[in-house]
Amino acid sequence: MVGAAVDARIEHVTLYASGARVRRLATVAATEAPVPQRIRIVGLPLSVIDDTVRVEIEGGAVATNLRCGIAAPPQAAAAAEEIAEVRAARRAVALAEAEV
């Protein structure tokens, strides 16, 4: 189960000499049917340090597990890798067109 994706907006930032503390706020509507059992917070920077992420919940929900990860696109959606010969040929064509 993937879970519902929620975008968290930045609410407060505190800067330190060696980093920053960023407080984000996300709202999940409890009126959705069915109520999502898993929530994915999207839009976090890749530089987030896993063991510094905290979750605070208001209301009747309970957080039982927290994991940080990277959501990679499916392999079918990934761009095909060009081989070196194709890149060299494209470069040669671009140079020739620039000379003309």
PDB file of N, CA and C in Angstrom:
ATOM      1  N   MET A   1       0.833  -1.166   0.000  1.00  0.00           N
ATOM      2  CA  MET A   1       0.000   0.000   0.000  1.00  0.00           C
ATOM      3  C   MET A   1       0.885   1.238   0.000  1.00  0.00           C
ATOM      4  N   VAL A   2       0.653   2.128  -0.956  1.00  0.00           N
ATOM      5  CA  VAL A   2       1.478   3.326  -1.107  1.00  0.00           C
ATOM      6  C   VAL A   2       1.084   4.397  -0.106  1.00  0.00           C
ATOM      7  N   GLY A   3      -0.172   4.647   0.081  1.00  0.00           N
ATOM      8  CA  GLY A   3      -0.623   5.668   1.024  1.00  0.00           C
ATOM      9  C   GLY A   3      -0.979   6.963   0.324  1.00  0.00           C
ATOM     10  N   ALA A   4      -1.632   7.832   1.068  1.00  0.00           N
ATOM     11  CA  ALA A   4      -2.049   9.126   0.541  1.00  0.00           C
ATOM     12  C   ALA A   4      -0.877  10.095   0.572  1.00  0.00           C
ATOM     13  N   ALA A   5      -0.673  10.815  -0.526  1.00  0.00           N
ATOM     14  CA  ALA A   5       0.412  11.801  -0.607  1.00  0.00           C
ATOM     15  C   ALA A   5      -0.083  13.148  -0.099  1.00  0.00           C
ATOM     16  N   VAL A   6       0.665  13.736   0.825  1.00  0.00           N
ATOM     17  CA  VAL A   6       0.307  15.016   1.422  1.00  0.00           C
ATOM     18  C   VAL A   6       1.486  15.966   1.246  1.00  0.00           C
ATOM     19  N   ASP A   7       1.208  17.179   0.782  1.00  0.00           N
ATOM     20  CA  ASP A   7       2.252  18.187   0.644  1.00  0.00           C
ATOM     21  C   ASP A   7       2.289  19.015   1.919  1.00  0.00           C
ATOM     22  N   ALA A   8       3.451  19.137   2.518  1.00  0.00           N
ATOM     23  CA  ALA A   8       3.598  19.876   3.771  1.00  0.00           C
ATOM     24  C   ALA A   8       4.189  21.251   3.477  1.00  0.00           C
ATOM     25  N   ARG A   9       3.502  22.294   3.924  1.00  0.00           N
ATOM     26  CA  ARG A   9       3.995  23.655   3.703  1.00  0.00           C
ATOM     27  C   ARG A   9       4.902  24.066   4.860  1.00  0.00           C
ATOM     28  N   ILE A  10       5.864  24.908   4.574  1.00  0.00           N
ATOM     29  CA  ILE A  10       6.802  25.385   5.588  1.00  0.00           C
ATOM     30  C   ILE A  10       6.088  26.404   6.464  1.00  0.00           C
ATOM     31  N   GLU A  11       6.128  26.170   7.772  1.00  0.00           N
ATOM     32  CA  GLU A  11       5.475  27.047   8.724  1.00  0.00           C
ATOM     33  C   GLU A  11       6.475  27.935   9.459  1.00  0.00           C
ATOM     34  N   HIS A  12       7.661  27.392   9.786  1.00  0.00           N
ATOM     35  CA  HIS A  12       8.623  28.136  10.585  1.00  0.00           C
ATOM     36  C   HIS A  12      10.023  27.606  10.289  1.00  0.00           C
ATOM     37  N   VAL A  13      11.006  28.509  10.199  1.00  0.00           N
ATOM     38  CA  VAL A  13      12.401  28.123   9.954  1.00  0.00           C
ATOM     39  C   VAL A  13      13.285  28.804  10.992  1.00  0.00           C
ATOM     40  N   THR A  14      14.172  28.005  11.613  1.00  0.00           N
ATOM     41  CA  THR A  14      15.170  28.539  12.536  1.00  0.00           C
ATOM     42  C   THR A  14      16.536  28.185  11.982  1.00  0.00           C
ATOM     43  N   LEU A  15      17.374  29.198  11.745  1.00  0.00           N
ATOM     44  CA  LEU A  15      18.698  28.967  11.180  1.00  0.00           C
ATOM     45  C   LEU A  15      19.741  28.844  12.280  1.00  0.00           C
ATOM     46  N   TYR A  16      20.652  27.897  12.097  1.00  0.00           N
ATOM     47  CA  TYR A  16      21.771  27.685  13.008  1.00  0.00           C
ATOM     48  C   TYR A  16      23.065  27.752  12.203  1.00  0.00           C
ATOM     49  N   ALA A  17      24.200  27.811  12.877  1.00  0.00           N
ATOM     50  CA  ALA A  17      25.484  27.870  12.185  1.00  0.00           C
ATOM     51  C   ALA A  17      25.738  26.602  11.378  1.00  0.00           C
ATOM     52  N   SER A  18      25.232  25.469  11.841  1.00  0.00           N
ATOM     53  CA  SER A  18      25.508  24.204  11.149  1.00  0.00           C
ATOM     54  C   SER A  18      24.260  23.590  10.533  1.00  0.00           C
ATOM     55  N   GLY A  19      23.248  24.364  10.237  1.00  0.00           N
ATOM     56  CA  GLY A  19      22.050  23.805   9.621  1.00  0.00           C
ATOM     57  C   GLY A  19      20.830  24.644   9.932  1.00  0.00           C
ATOM     58  N   ALA A  20      19.678  24.006   9.857  1.00  0.00           N
ATOM     59  CA  ALA A  20      18.425  24.711  10.102  1.00  0.00           C
ATOM     60  C   ALA A  20      17.389  23.736  10.629  1.00  0.00           C
ATOM     61  N   ARG A  21      16.423  24.263  11.358  1.00  0.00           N
ATOM     62  CA  ARG A  21      15.269  23.489  11.799  1.00  0.00           C
ATOM     63  C   ARG A  21      14.078  24.037  11.037  1.00  0.00           C
ATOM     64  N   VAL A  22      13.397  23.149  10.320  1.00  0.00           N
ATOM     65  CA  VAL A  22      12.262  23.551   9.502  1.00  0.00           C
ATOM     66  C   VAL A  22      11.020  22.848  10.028  1.00  0.00           C
ATOM     67  N   ARG A  23      10.013  23.623  10.373  1.00  0.00           N
ATOM     68  CA  ARG A  23       8.745  23.049  10.826  1.00  0.00           C
ATOM     69  C   ARG A  23       7.763  23.139   9.665  1.00  0.00           C
ATOM     70  N   ARG A  24       7.202  22.009   9.310  1.00  0.00           N
ATOM     71  CA  ARG A  24       6.234  21.943   8.215  1.00  0.00           C
ATOM     72  C   ARG A  24       4.881  21.538   8.771  1.00  0.00           C
ATOM     73  N   LEU A  25       3.838  21.928   8.076  1.00  0.00           N
ATOM     74  CA  LEU A  25       2.485  21.628   8.514  1.00  0.00           C
ATOM     75  C   LEU A  25       1.730  20.966   7.364  1.00  0.00           C
ATOM     76  N   ALA A  26       1.144  19.819   7.656  1.00  0.00           N
ATOM     77  CA  ALA A  26       0.336  19.110   6.666  1.00  0.00           C
ATOM     78  C   ALA A  26      -1.000  18.766   7.302  1.00  0.00           C
ATOM     79  N   THR A  27      -2.056  18.824   6.510  1.00  0.00           N
ATOM     80  CA  THR A  27      -3.388  18.513   7.001  1.00  0.00           C
ATOM     81  C   THR A  27      -3.959  17.361   6.190  1.00  0.00           C
ATOM     82  N   VAL A  28      -4.490  16.384   6.906  1.00  0.00           N
ATOM     83  CA  VAL A  28      -5.152  15.248   6.266  1.00  0.00           C
ATOM     84  C   VAL A  28      -6.617  15.306   6.664  1.00  0.00           C
ATOM     85  N   ALA A  29      -7.481  15.344   5.679  1.00  0.00           N
ATOM     86  CA  ALA A  29      -8.916  15.429   5.959  1.00  0.00           C
ATOM     87  C   ALA A  29      -9.417  14.088   6.479  1.00  0.00           C
ATOM     88  N   ALA A  30      -9.983  14.094   7.667  1.00  0.00           N
ATOM     89  CA  ALA A  30     -10.495  12.863   8.269  1.00  0.00           C
ATOM     90  C   ALA A  30     -11.843  12.470   7.686  1.00  0.00           C
ATOM     91  N   THR A  31     -12.375  13.308   6.809  1.00  0.00           N
ATOM     92  CA  THR A  31     -13.681  13.008   6.223  1.00  0.00           C
ATOM     93  C   THR A  31     -13.555  12.160   4.970  1.00  0.00           C
ATOM     94  N   GLU A  32     -12.307  11.894   4.524  1.00  0.00           N
ATOM     95  CA  GLU A  32     -12.119  11.054   3.338  1.00  0.00           C
ATOM     96  C   GLU A  32     -12.605   9.647   3.635  1.00  0.00           C
ATOM     97  N   ALA A  33     -13.184   9.008   2.644  1.00  0.00           N
ATOM     98  CA  ALA A  33     -13.618   7.620   2.817  1.00  0.00           C
ATOM     99  C   ALA A  33     -12.899   6.767   1.786  1.00  0.00           C
ATOM    100  N   PRO A  34     -12.167   5.773   2.128  1.00  0.00           N
ATOM    101  CA  PRO A  34     -11.785   5.399   3.488  1.00  0.00           C
ATOM    102  C   PRO A  34     -10.652   6.290   4.001  1.00  0.00           C
ATOM    103  N   VAL A  35     -10.522   6.374   5.293  1.00  0.00           N
ATOM    104  CA  VAL A  35      -9.465   7.179   5.914  1.00  0.00           C
ATOM    105  C   VAL A  35      -8.124   6.507   5.610  1.00  0.00           C
ATOM    106  N   PRO A  36      -7.139   7.253   5.074  1.00  0.00           N
ATOM    107  CA  PRO A  36      -5.857   6.630   4.735  1.00  0.00           C
ATOM    108  C   PRO A  36      -5.127   6.128   5.976  1.00  0.00           C
ATOM    109  N   GLN A  37      -4.579   4.914   5.864  1.00  0.00           N
ATOM    110  CA  GLN A  37      -3.821   4.347   6.976  1.00  0.00           C
ATOM    111  C   GLN A  37      -2.352   4.712   6.895  1.00  0.00           C
ATOM    112  N   ARG A  38      -1.888   5.063   5.715  1.00  0.00           N
ATOM    113  CA  ARG A  38      -0.502   5.488   5.522  1.00  0.00           C
ATOM    114  C   ARG A  38      -0.496   6.849   4.849  1.00  0.00           C
ATOM    115  N   ILE A  39       0.422   7.692   5.277  1.00  0.00           N
ATOM    116  CA  ILE A  39       0.562   9.041   4.729  1.00  0.00           C
ATOM    117  C   ILE A  39       1.990   9.203   4.224  1.00  0.00           C
ATOM    118  N   ARG A  40       2.142   9.747   3.008  1.00  0.00           N
ATOM    119  CA  ARG A  40       3.456  10.083   2.463  1.00  0.00           C
ATOM    120  C   ARG A  40       3.555  11.598   2.417  1.00  0.00           C
ATOM    121  N   ILE A  41       4.561  12.139   3.073  1.00  0.00           N
ATOM    122  CA  ILE A  41       4.793  13.584   3.021  1.00  0.00           C
ATOM    123  C   ILE A  41       5.765  13.826   1.878  1.00  0.00           C
ATOM    124  N   VAL A  42       5.291  14.485   0.842  1.00  0.00           N
ATOM    125  CA  VAL A  42       6.093  14.710  -0.365  1.00  0.00           C
ATOM    126  C   VAL A  42       6.691  16.106  -0.342  1.00  0.00           C
ATOM    127  N   GLY A  43       7.741  16.295  -1.121  1.00  0.00           N
ATOM    128  CA  GLY A  43       8.344  17.616  -1.251  1.00  0.00           C
ATOM    129  C   GLY A  43       9.447  17.907  -0.263  1.00  0.00           C
ATOM    130  N   LEU A  44       9.856  16.916   0.539  1.00  0.00           N
ATOM    131  CA  LEU A  44      10.971  17.139   1.455  1.00  0.00           C
ATOM    132  C   LEU A  44      12.271  17.161   0.667  1.00  0.00           C
ATOM    133  N   PRO A  45      13.266  17.922   1.097  1.00  0.00           N
ATOM    134  CA  PRO A  45      14.532  17.969   0.361  1.00  0.00           C
ATOM    135  C   PRO A  45      15.296  16.645   0.487  1.00  0.00           C
ATOM    136  N   LEU A  46      16.122  16.350  -0.507  1.00  0.00           N
ATOM    137  CA  LEU A  46      16.917  15.121  -0.468  1.00  0.00           C
ATOM    138  C   LEU A  46      17.953  15.155   0.645  1.00  0.00           C
ATOM    139  N   SER A  47      18.293  16.343   1.121  1.00  0.00           N
ATOM    140  CA  SER A  47      19.320  16.477   2.148  1.00  0.00           C
ATOM    141  C   SER A  47      18.779  16.285   3.565  1.00  0.00           C
ATOM    142  N   VAL A  48      17.517  15.912   3.712  1.00  0.00           N
ATOM    143  CA  VAL A  48      16.947  15.724   5.044  1.00  0.00           C
ATOM    144  C   VAL A  48      17.686  14.576   5.749  1.00  0.00           C
ATOM    145  N   ILE A  49      17.973  14.769   7.021  1.00  0.00           N
ATOM    146  CA  ILE A  49      18.670  13.748   7.805  1.00  0.00           C
ATOM    147  C   ILE A  49      17.601  12.883   8.469  1.00  0.00           C
ATOM    148  N   ASP A  50      17.616  11.598   8.146  1.00  0.00           N
ATOM    149  CA  ASP A  50      16.535  10.694   8.554  1.00  0.00           C
ATOM    150  C   ASP A  50      16.227  10.722  10.040  1.00  0.00           C
ATOM    151  N   ASP A  51      17.252  10.658  10.884  1.00  0.00           N
ATOM    152  CA  ASP A  51      16.997  10.537  12.318  1.00  0.00           C
ATOM    153  C   ASP A  51      16.622  11.861  12.987  1.00  0.00           C
ATOM    154  N   THR A  52      16.485  12.936  12.207  1.00  0.00           N
ATOM    155  CA  THR A  52      16.046  14.210  12.778  1.00  0.00           C
ATOM    156  C   THR A  52      14.586  14.510  12.444  1.00  0.00           C
ATOM    157  N   VAL A  53      13.944  13.658  11.669  1.00  0.00           N
ATOM    158  CA  VAL A  53      12.549  13.880  11.286  1.00  0.00           C
ATOM    159  C   VAL A  53      11.644  13.453  12.437  1.00  0.00           C
ATOM    160  N   ARG A  54      10.733  14.334  12.818  1.00  0.00           N
ATOM    161  CA  ARG A  54       9.780  14.064  13.900  1.00  0.00           C
ATOM    162  C   ARG A  54       8.371  14.299  13.377  1.00  0.00           C
ATOM    163  N   VAL A  55       7.409  13.597  13.973  1.00  0.00           N
ATOM    164  CA  VAL A  55       6.006  13.753  13.588  1.00  0.00           C
ATOM    165  C   VAL A  55       5.201  14.066  14.838  1.00  0.00           C
ATOM    166  N   GLU A  56       4.350  15.060  14.732  1.00  0.00           N
ATOM    167  CA  GLU A  56       3.436  15.414  15.819  1.00  0.00           C
ATOM    168  C   GLU A  56       2.034  15.391  15.238  1.00  0.00           C
ATOM    169  N   ILE A  57       1.128  14.680  15.903  1.00  0.00           N
ATOM    170  CA  ILE A  57      -0.222  14.500  15.372  1.00  0.00           C
ATOM    171  C   ILE A  57      -1.236  15.051  16.360  1.00  0.00           C
ATOM    172  N   GLU A  58      -2.199  15.799  15.827  1.00  0.00           N
ATOM    173  CA  GLU A  58      -3.312  16.285  16.643  1.00  0.00           C
ATOM    174  C   GLU A  58      -4.562  15.540  16.201  1.00  0.00           C
ATOM    175  N   GLY A  59      -5.407  15.226  17.140  1.00  0.00           N
ATOM    176  CA  GLY A  59      -6.644  14.516  16.812  1.00  0.00           C
ATOM    177  C   GLY A  59      -6.569  13.083  17.310  1.00  0.00           C
ATOM    178  N   GLY A  60      -7.386  12.220  16.748  1.00  0.00           N
ATOM    179  CA  GLY A  60      -7.481  10.839  17.222  1.00  0.00           C
ATOM    180  C   GLY A  60      -6.496   9.880  16.595  1.00  0.00           C
ATOM    181  N   ALA A  61      -5.674  10.327  15.660  1.00  0.00           N
ATOM    182  CA  ALA A  61      -4.735   9.429  14.990  1.00  0.00           C
ATOM    183  C   ALA A  61      -3.515   9.153  15.865  1.00  0.00           C
ATOM    184  N   VAL A  62      -2.832   8.048  15.557  1.00  0.00           N
ATOM    185  CA  VAL A  62      -1.630   7.659  16.272  1.00  0.00           C
ATOM    186  C   VAL A  62      -0.560   7.309  15.246  1.00  0.00           C
ATOM    187  N   ALA A  63       0.643   7.850  15.409  1.00  0.00           N
ATOM    188  CA  ALA A  63       1.764   7.503  14.535  1.00  0.00           C
ATOM    189  C   ALA A  63       2.480   6.305  15.135  1.00  0.00           C
ATOM    190  N   THR A  64       2.599   5.228  14.369  1.00  0.00           N
ATOM    191  CA  THR A  64       3.256   4.028  14.878  1.00  0.00           C
ATOM    192  C   THR A  64       4.587   3.759  14.208  1.00  0.00           C
ATOM    193  N   ASN A  65       4.842   4.372  13.065  1.00  0.00           N
ATOM    194  CA  ASN A  65       6.074   4.100  12.339  1.00  0.00           C
ATOM    195  C   ASN A  65       6.411   5.318  11.483  1.00  0.00           C
ATOM    196  N   LEU A  66       7.691   5.622  11.387  1.00  0.00           N
ATOM    197  CA  LEU A  66       8.151   6.735  10.567  1.00  0.00           C
ATOM    198  C   LEU A  66       9.361   6.274   9.777  1.00  0.00           C
ATOM    199  N   ARG A  67       9.296   6.406   8.458  1.00  0.00           N
ATOM    200  CA  ARG A  67      10.419   6.024   7.601  1.00  0.00           C
ATOM    201  C   ARG A  67      10.676   7.125   6.585  1.00  0.00           C
ATOM    202  N   CYS A  68      11.944   7.368   6.287  1.00  0.00           N
ATOM    203  CA  CYS A  68      12.331   8.332   5.258  1.00  0.00           C
ATOM    204  C   CYS A  68      12.882   7.554   4.071  1.00  0.00           C
ATOM    205  N   GLY A  69      12.550   7.998   2.885  1.00  0.00           N
ATOM    206  CA  GLY A  69      13.045   7.334   1.690  1.00  0.00           C
ATOM    207  C   GLY A  69      12.908   8.236   0.482  1.00  0.00           C
ATOM    208  N   ILE A  70      13.387   7.743  -0.623  1.00  0.00           N
ATOM    209  CA  ILE A  70      13.323   8.478  -1.883  1.00  0.00           C
ATOM    210  C   ILE A  70      12.320   7.777  -2.780  1.00  0.00           C
ATOM    211  N   ALA A  71      11.385   8.514  -3.302  1.00  0.00           N
ATOM    212  CA  ALA A  71      10.396   7.972  -4.223  1.00  0.00           C
ATOM    213  C   ALA A  71      10.939   8.095  -5.638  1.00  0.00           C
ATOM    214  N   ALA A  72      11.496   7.022  -6.137  1.00  0.00           N
ATOM    215  CA  ALA A  72      12.062   7.017  -7.488  1.00  0.00           C
ATOM    216  C   ALA A  72      10.962   6.715  -8.498  1.00  0.00           C
ATOM    217  N   PRO A  73      11.057   7.294  -9.695  1.00  0.00           N
ATOM    218  CA  PRO A  73      10.044   6.992 -10.709  1.00  0.00           C
ATOM    219  C   PRO A  73      10.177   5.546 -11.159  1.00  0.00           C
ATOM    220  N   PRO A  74       9.104   4.958 -11.673  1.00  0.00           N
ATOM    221  CA  PRO A  74       9.205   3.588 -12.175  1.00  0.00           C
ATOM    222  C   PRO A  74      10.202   3.518 -13.325  1.00  0.00           C
ATOM    223  N   GLN A  75      10.809   2.367 -13.512  1.00  0.00           N
ATOM    224  CA  GLN A  75      11.862   2.237 -14.513  1.00  0.00           C
ATOM    225  C   GLN A  75      11.358   2.553 -15.917  1.00  0.00           C
ATOM    226  N   ALA A  76      10.096   2.260 -16.192  1.00  0.00           N
ATOM    227  CA  ALA A  76       9.543   2.559 -17.514  1.00  0.00           C
ATOM    228  C   ALA A  76       9.510   4.062 -17.782  1.00  0.00           C
ATOM    229  N   ALA A  77       9.379   4.876 -16.738  1.00  0.00           N
ATOM    230  CA  ALA A  77       9.323   6.328 -16.894  1.00  0.00           C
ATOM    231  C   ALA A  77      10.704   6.971 -16.914  1.00  0.00           C
ATOM    232  N   ALA A  78      11.738   6.214 -16.586  1.00  0.00           N
ATOM    233  CA  ALA A  78      13.099   6.758 -16.549  1.00  0.00           C
ATOM    234  C   ALA A  78      13.602   6.999 -17.971  1.00  0.00           C
ATOM    235  N   ALA A  79      14.429   7.995 -18.115  1.00  0.00           N
ATOM    236  CA  ALA A  79      14.995   8.316 -19.427  1.00  0.00           C
ATOM    237  C   ALA A  79      15.997   7.250 -19.835  1.00  0.00           C
ATOM    238  N   ALA A  80      16.007   6.941 -21.102  1.00  0.00           N
ATOM    239  CA  ALA A  80      16.953   5.952 -21.608  1.00  0.00           C
ATOM    240  C   ALA A  80      18.368   6.534 -21.577  1.00  0.00           C
ATOM    241  N   GLU A  81      19.329   5.698 -21.248  1.00  0.00           N
ATOM    242  CA  GLU A  81      20.712   6.145 -21.169  1.00  0.00           C
ATOM    243  C   GLU A  81      21.334   6.125 -22.558  1.00  0.00           C
ATOM    244  N   GLU A  82      22.007   7.209 -22.917  1.00  0.00           N
ATOM    245  CA  GLU A  82      22.671   7.276 -24.210  1.00  0.00           C
ATOM    246  C   GLU A  82      24.073   6.700 -24.087  1.00  0.00           C
ATOM    247  N   ILE A  83      24.480   5.975 -25.113  1.00  0.00           N
ATOM    248  CA  ILE A  83      25.841   5.445 -25.109  1.00  0.00           C
ATOM    249  C   ILE A  83      26.799   6.544 -25.563  1.00  0.00           C
ATOM    250  N   ALA A  84      28.072   6.363 -25.274  1.00  0.00           N
ATOM    251  CA  ALA A  84      29.078   7.402 -25.532  1.00  0.00           C
ATOM    252  C   ALA A  84      29.156   7.771 -27.009  1.00  0.00           C
ATOM    253  N   GLU A  85      29.004   6.803 -27.906  1.00  0.00           N
ATOM    254  CA  GLU A  85      29.090   7.086 -29.340  1.00  0.00           C
ATOM    255  C   GLU A  85      27.973   8.021 -29.789  1.00  0.00           C
ATOM    256  N   VAL A  86      26.771   7.839 -29.239  1.00  0.00           N
ATOM    257  CA  VAL A  86      25.643   8.699 -29.611  1.00  0.00           C
ATOM    258  C   VAL A  86      25.883  10.118 -29.101  1.00  0.00           C
ATOM    259  N   ARG A  87      26.370  10.254 -27.872  1.00  0.00           N
ATOM    260  CA  ARG A  87      26.673  11.589 -27.344  1.00  0.00           C
ATOM    261  C   ARG A  87      27.738  12.280 -28.184  1.00  0.00           C
ATOM    262  N   ALA A  88      28.790  11.528 -28.585  1.00  0.00           N
ATOM    263  CA  ALA A  88      29.851  12.103 -29.405  1.00  0.00           C
ATOM    264  C   ALA A  88      29.310  12.537 -30.764  1.00  0.00           C
ATOM    265  N   ALA A  89      28.432  11.740 -31.366  1.00  0.00           N
ATOM    266  CA  ALA A  89      27.844  12.093 -32.655  1.00  0.00           C
ATOM    267  C   ALA A  89      26.976  13.343 -32.536  1.00  0.00           C
ATOM    268  N   ARG A  90      26.175  13.433 -31.466  1.00  0.00           N
ATOM    269  CA  ARG A  90      25.344  14.632 -31.266  1.00  0.00           C
ATOM    270  C   ARG A  90      26.212  15.878 -31.088  1.00  0.00           C
ATOM    271  N   ARG A  91      27.308  15.730 -30.369  1.00  0.00           N
ATOM    272  CA  ARG A  91      28.237  16.844 -30.163  1.00  0.00           C
ATOM    273  C   ARG A  91      28.850  17.285 -31.493  1.00  0.00           C
ATOM    274  N   ALA A  92      29.251  16.303 -32.322  1.00  0.00           N
ATOM    275  CA  ALA A  92      29.839  16.624 -33.623  1.00  0.00           C
ATOM    276  C   ALA A  92      28.832  17.347 -34.514  1.00  0.00           C
ATOM    277  N   VAL A  93      27.579  16.917 -34.505  1.00  0.00           N
ATOM    278  CA  VAL A  93      26.538  17.573 -35.298  1.00  0.00           C
ATOM    279  C   VAL A  93      26.330  18.999 -34.804  1.00  0.00           C
ATOM    280  N   ALA A  94      26.274  19.199 -33.484  1.00  0.00           N
ATOM    281  CA  ALA A  94      26.079  20.543 -32.933  1.00  0.00           C
ATOM    282  C   ALA A  94      27.241  21.460 -33.315  1.00  0.00           C
ATOM    283  N   LEU A  95      28.472  20.946 -33.264  1.00  0.00           N
ATOM    284  CA  LEU A  95      29.628  21.753 -33.664  1.00  0.00           C
ATOM    285  C   LEU A  95      29.577  22.116 -35.139  1.00  0.00           C
ATOM    286  N   ALA A  96      29.209  21.136 -35.975  1.00  0.00           N
ATOM    287  CA  ALA A  96      29.119  21.400 -37.423  1.00  0.00           C
ATOM    288  C   ALA A  96      28.039  22.433 -37.720  1.00  0.00           C
ATOM    289  N   GLU A  97      26.897  22.331 -37.048  1.00  0.00           N
ATOM    290  CA  GLU A  97      25.816  23.294 -37.270  1.00  0.00           C
ATOM    291  C   GLU A  97      26.222  24.686 -36.792  1.00  0.00           C
ATOM    292  N   ALA A  98      27.008  24.739 -35.714  1.00  0.00           N
ATOM    293  CA  ALA A  98      27.459  26.031 -35.197  1.00  0.00           C
ATOM    294  C   ALA A  98      28.433  26.696 -36.168  1.00  0.00           C
ATOM    295  N   GLU A  99      29.256  25.910 -36.881  1.00  0.00           N
ATOM    296  CA  GLU A  99      30.187  26.461 -37.855  1.00  0.00           C
ATOM    297  C   GLU A  99      29.480  27.002 -39.073  1.00  0.00           C
ATOM    298  N   VAL A 100      28.384  26.354 -39.468  1.00  0.00           N
ATOM    299  CA  VAL A 100      27.645  26.798 -40.644  1.00  0.00           C
ATOM    300  C   VAL A 100      26.927  28.082 -40.294  1.00  0.00           C
TER     301      VAL A 100
END
